[in-house]
Protein backbone atom coordinates (compact mmCIF):
# COMPACT_ATOMS: atom_id res chain seq x y z
CA MET A 1 0.07 -0.04 -0.07
CA ALA A 2 2.97 2.49 0.80
CA LEU A 3 4.15 1.89 -2.72
CA ALA A 4 0.80 2.55 -4.21
CA MET A 5 0.53 5.74 -2.02
CA ALA A 6 3.98 6.97 -3.29
CA GLN A 7 3.16 6.22 -6.86
CA SER A 8 -0.11 8.20 -6.68
CA ALA A 9 1.63 11.08 -5.03
CA PHE A 10 4.34 11.12 -7.62
CA ALA A 11 1.80 11.10 -10.53
CA GLN A 12 -0.28 14.00 -8.94
CA THR A 13 3.04 16.03 -8.34
CA ASN A 14 3.88 15.54 -12.13
CA GLU A 15 0.37 16.65 -13.03
CA GLN A 16 0.42 19.61 -10.88
CA LYS A 17 3.99 20.72 -12.21
CA ALA A 18 2.70 20.42 -15.65
CA LEU A 19 -0.42 22.66 -14.81
CA GLU A 20 1.77 25.13 -13.10
CA ALA A 21 3.93 25.39 -16.12
CA LYS A 22 0.94 25.90 -18.37
CA ARG A 23 -0.49 28.64 -16.08
CA GLU A 24 2.80 30.51 -16.01
CA LYS A 25 2.84 30.32 -19.91
CA LEU A 26 -0.68 31.75 -19.97
CA GLN A 27 0.23 34.37 -17.58
CA SER A 28 3.34 35.30 -19.71
CA GLU A 29 1.02 35.47 -22.72
CA ILE A 30 -1.36 37.90 -21.03
CA ARG A 31 1.58 40.16 -20.06
CA ASP A 32 2.80 40.24 -23.74
CA ILE A 33 -0.87 41.04 -25.08
CA ASN A 34 -0.93 43.82 -22.32
CA ARG A 35 2.31 45.42 -23.72
CA LEU A 36 0.84 45.20 -27.29
CA LEU A 37 -2.43 46.85 -26.24
CA PHE A 38 -0.68 49.52 -24.34
CA ALA A 39 1.60 50.25 -27.30
CA GLU A 40 -1.32 50.55 -29.71
CA LYS A 41 -3.26 52.87 -27.46
CA LYS A 42 -0.38 55.00 -26.97
CA GLU A 43 0.30 55.19 -30.70
CA LYS A 44 -3.44 55.53 -31.43
CA GLY A 45 -3.11 52.38 -33.59
CA ASN A 46 -5.70 50.43 -35.55
CA VAL A 47 -8.91 49.99 -33.41
CA LEU A 48 -9.41 46.59 -35.11
CA ASP A 49 -5.96 45.47 -34.00
CA GLN A 50 -6.90 46.39 -30.46
CA MET A 51 -9.97 44.46 -30.89
CA GLU A 52 -8.09 41.37 -31.98
CA ALA A 53 -5.57 41.69 -29.26
CA LEU A 54 -8.39 42.04 -26.60
CA ASP A 55 -10.22 39.09 -28.10
CA GLN A 56 -7.04 37.01 -27.80
CA LYS A 57 -6.37 38.33 -24.24
CA ILE A 58 -10.15 37.26 -23.26
CA ASN A 59 -9.43 33.79 -24.63
CA VAL A 60 -6.13 33.41 -22.83
CA ARG A 61 -7.62 34.67 -19.60
CA GLN A 62 -10.53 32.09 -19.91
CA GLU A 63 -7.91 29.34 -20.40
CA LEU A 64 -5.98 30.59 -17.33
CA ILE A 65 -9.09 30.34 -15.29
CA ARG A 66 -9.67 26.79 -16.50
CA VAL A 67 -6.16 25.68 -15.81
CA THR A 68 -6.28 27.24 -12.35
CA ASN A 69 -9.44 25.45 -11.61
CA GLN A 70 -7.84 22.19 -12.72
CA GLN A 71 -4.96 22.85 -10.27
CA SER A 72 -7.32 23.69 -7.40
CA ASN A 73 -9.34 20.45 -8.12
CA LEU A 74 -6.14 18.39 -8.26
CA LEU A 75 -4.96 19.94 -4.95
CA ASN A 76 -8.39 19.06 -3.42
CA ARG A 77 -7.94 15.51 -4.54
CA GLN A 78 -4.47 15.51 -3.00
CA ILE A 79 -5.80 17.00 0.42
CA ASN A 80 -8.58 14.28 0.44
CA THR A 81 -6.01 11.51 -0.18
CA ASN A 82 -3.78 12.95 2.72
CA ILE A 83 -6.81 13.06 4.98
CA ARG A 84 -7.54 9.47 4.41
CA ASN A 85 -3.79 8.55 4.76
CA ILE A 86 -3.60 10.40 8.05
CA SER A 87 -6.73 8.66 9.34
CA LYS A 88 -5.30 5.29 8.52
CA LEU A 89 -1.84 6.13 9.98
CA ARG A 90 -3.57 7.22 13.21
CA ASP A 91 -5.38 3.90 13.32
CA ASP A 92 -2.20 1.91 12.76
CA LEU A 93 -0.26 4.00 15.21
CA GLU A 94 -2.99 3.53 17.87
CA THR A 95 -2.71 -0.35 17.34
CA LEU A 96 0.97 -0.35 17.51
CA LYS A 97 0.97 1.78 20.72
CA LYS A 98 -1.45 -0.63 22.26
CA ASP A 99 0.61 -3.68 21.34
CA TYR A 100 3.74 -2.00 22.42
CA GLY A 101 2.17 -1.11 25.72
CA GLU A 102 1.41 -4.70 26.33
CA ILE A 103 4.94 -5.67 25.49
CA ILE A 104 6.26 -3.08 27.81
CA GLN A 105 3.93 -4.24 30.54
CA LYS A 106 5.07 -7.87 30.16
CA SER A 107 8.66 -6.78 30.08
CA TYR A 108 8.27 -4.81 33.18
CA GLN A 109 6.78 -7.74 35.09
CA ASN A 110 9.75 -9.92 33.96
CA LYS A 111 12.49 -7.20 33.89
CA SER A 112 14.76 -8.36 36.67
CA LYS A 113 17.90 -10.29 35.74
CA GLN A 114 17.05 -12.69 38.72
CA SER A 115 13.70 -13.56 37.21
CA ARG A 116 15.25 -14.07 33.70
CA LEU A 117 17.92 -16.16 35.33
CA MET A 118 15.40 -18.32 37.22
CA PHE A 119 13.44 -18.63 34.00
CA LEU A 120 16.46 -20.26 32.26
CA LEU A 121 17.62 -22.24 35.50
CA SER A 122 14.19 -23.81 35.94
CA SER A 123 14.58 -25.46 32.55
CA GLU A 124 14.28 -29.27 32.57
CA ASN A 125 17.06 -29.71 30.26
CA PHE A 126 19.64 -27.96 28.01
CA TYR A 127 17.30 -27.92 24.96
CA GLN A 128 14.52 -26.19 26.94
CA ALA A 129 17.02 -23.61 28.32
CA PHE A 130 18.27 -22.89 24.96
CA LYS A 131 14.79 -22.45 23.57
CA ARG A 132 13.90 -20.07 26.38
CA LEU A 133 17.02 -18.08 25.66
CA GLN A 134 16.02 -17.77 22.07
CA TYR A 135 12.49 -16.81 23.12
CA MET A 136 13.96 -13.98 25.31
CA LYS A 137 16.15 -12.71 22.66
CA GLN A 138 13.30 -12.64 20.09
CA TYR A 139 11.10 -10.91 22.63
CA THR A 140 13.67 -8.08 23.13
CA ASN A 141 14.19 -7.77 19.49
CA HIS A 142 10.35 -7.62 18.90
CA GLN A 143 10.24 -4.79 21.58
CA LYS A 144 12.94 -2.80 19.75
CA GLU A 145 11.29 -3.45 16.35
CA GLN A 146 7.92 -2.22 17.63
CA GLY A 147 9.61 1.00 19.04
CA GLU A 148 11.22 1.69 15.74
CA ILE A 149 8.00 1.07 13.72
CA ILE A 150 6.19 3.45 16.08
CA LYS A 151 8.97 6.09 15.59
CA ALA A 152 8.77 5.86 11.82
CA LYS A 153 5.01 5.94 11.63
CA THR A 154 4.89 9.05 13.81
CA ALA A 155 7.41 10.82 11.63
CA GLU A 156 5.44 9.90 8.45
CA LEU A 157 2.19 11.10 10.18
CA GLN A 158 3.96 14.45 10.99
CA GLN A 159 5.32 14.78 7.43
CA ILE A 160 1.88 14.18 5.98
CA ASN A 161 0.34 16.81 8.25
CA LYS A 162 3.05 19.29 7.14
CA ASP A 163 2.26 18.53 3.36
CA LEU A 164 -1.39 18.88 4.07
CA MET A 165 -0.98 22.42 5.59
CA VAL A 166 1.08 23.46 2.46
CA GLN A 167 -1.57 21.95 0.04
CA LYS A 168 -4.31 23.93 1.82
CA LYS A 169 -2.33 27.17 1.70
CA ASP A 170 -1.68 26.59 -1.98
CA LYS A 171 -5.33 25.96 -2.69
CA GLU A 172 -6.27 29.15 -0.88
CA LYS A 173 -3.76 31.12 -3.06
CA LEU A 174 -5.01 29.45 -6.30
CA ILE A 175 -8.73 30.41 -5.31
CA ALA A 176 -7.67 33.95 -4.47
CA GLU A 177 -5.83 34.31 -7.79
CA ASN A 178 -8.73 33.01 -9.69
CA LYS A 179 -11.06 35.73 -8.13
CA VAL A 180 -8.60 38.31 -9.34
CA THR A 181 -8.57 36.74 -12.78
CA LYS A 182 -12.33 36.58 -12.98
CA LYS A 183 -12.58 40.27 -12.19
CA ALA A 184 -9.86 41.10 -14.87
CA LEU A 185 -11.98 39.05 -17.36
CA ALA A 186 -15.21 40.86 -16.45
CA LYS A 187 -13.30 44.17 -17.01
CA GLU A 188 -11.90 43.08 -20.34
CA ARG A 189 -15.32 41.87 -21.66
CA SER A 190 -16.63 45.42 -20.77
CA GLN A 191 -13.84 46.94 -22.65
CA HIS A 192 -14.52 44.62 -25.64
CA GLU A 193 -18.18 45.73 -25.55
CA ILE A 194 -17.11 49.38 -25.49
CA LEU A 195 -14.95 48.86 -28.43
CA MET A 196 -17.56 46.96 -30.32
CA THR A 197 -20.09 49.86 -29.77
CA SER A 198 -17.46 52.33 -30.90
CA ILE A 199 -17.03 50.25 -34.07
CA ARG A 200 -20.78 50.00 -34.79
CA LYS A 201 -21.13 53.77 -34.37
CA ASN A 202 -18.30 54.62 -36.66
CA LEU A 203 -18.73 51.92 -39.04
CA ASN A 204 -17.99 54.06 -42.10
CA LYS A 205 -14.88 55.49 -40.48
CA TYR A 206 -13.46 51.90 -40.02
CA ALA A 207 -14.64 50.47 -43.38
CA SER A 208 -11.25 51.08 -45.04
CA GLN A 209 -9.59 49.34 -41.96
CA ILE A 210 -12.10 46.36 -42.34
CA LYS A 211 -11.20 46.19 -46.15
């Protein structure tokens, strides 16, 4: 299961990187179009060129919103996956701690060297003494292993919790950016409508440009 979790996380990370690269590319395109529009307005350029640039900008802005939504949805899936993983790890940790508690309790009851020695000396023969010695070694090793597993599980749980906090912040940031982008899109659509109205009113003036 740990391997499956790692593969899923790797695939989602790659998808997130691809979406982030696409988002950055779209933002770069918008900056380029803004520079073009600014230059055309400054030089009182062709109104139809402005219209075309604004059309392109609106299309790019819509694509940016779509990609940002994809990123947000992917982060949501990652967050939900991590919440399930945290829940499972907590259950595993609870079981391990319970088992470990029982081991420690038994170990405490039989911890004195004298009781261990008596346990060996009370053996009926050498073979039984050897088996008891092996059992004591295995018991000690199992106790150490359980302690190490608990330590590893605790560290894994802490790391997933950290990842979850980062993912939640990233999602909040994307949602905030999308709100700004949607406002910009609404403003650009309004500018587009103003330009269209201007062209309709001055159709004769722009006829030569249209030709």
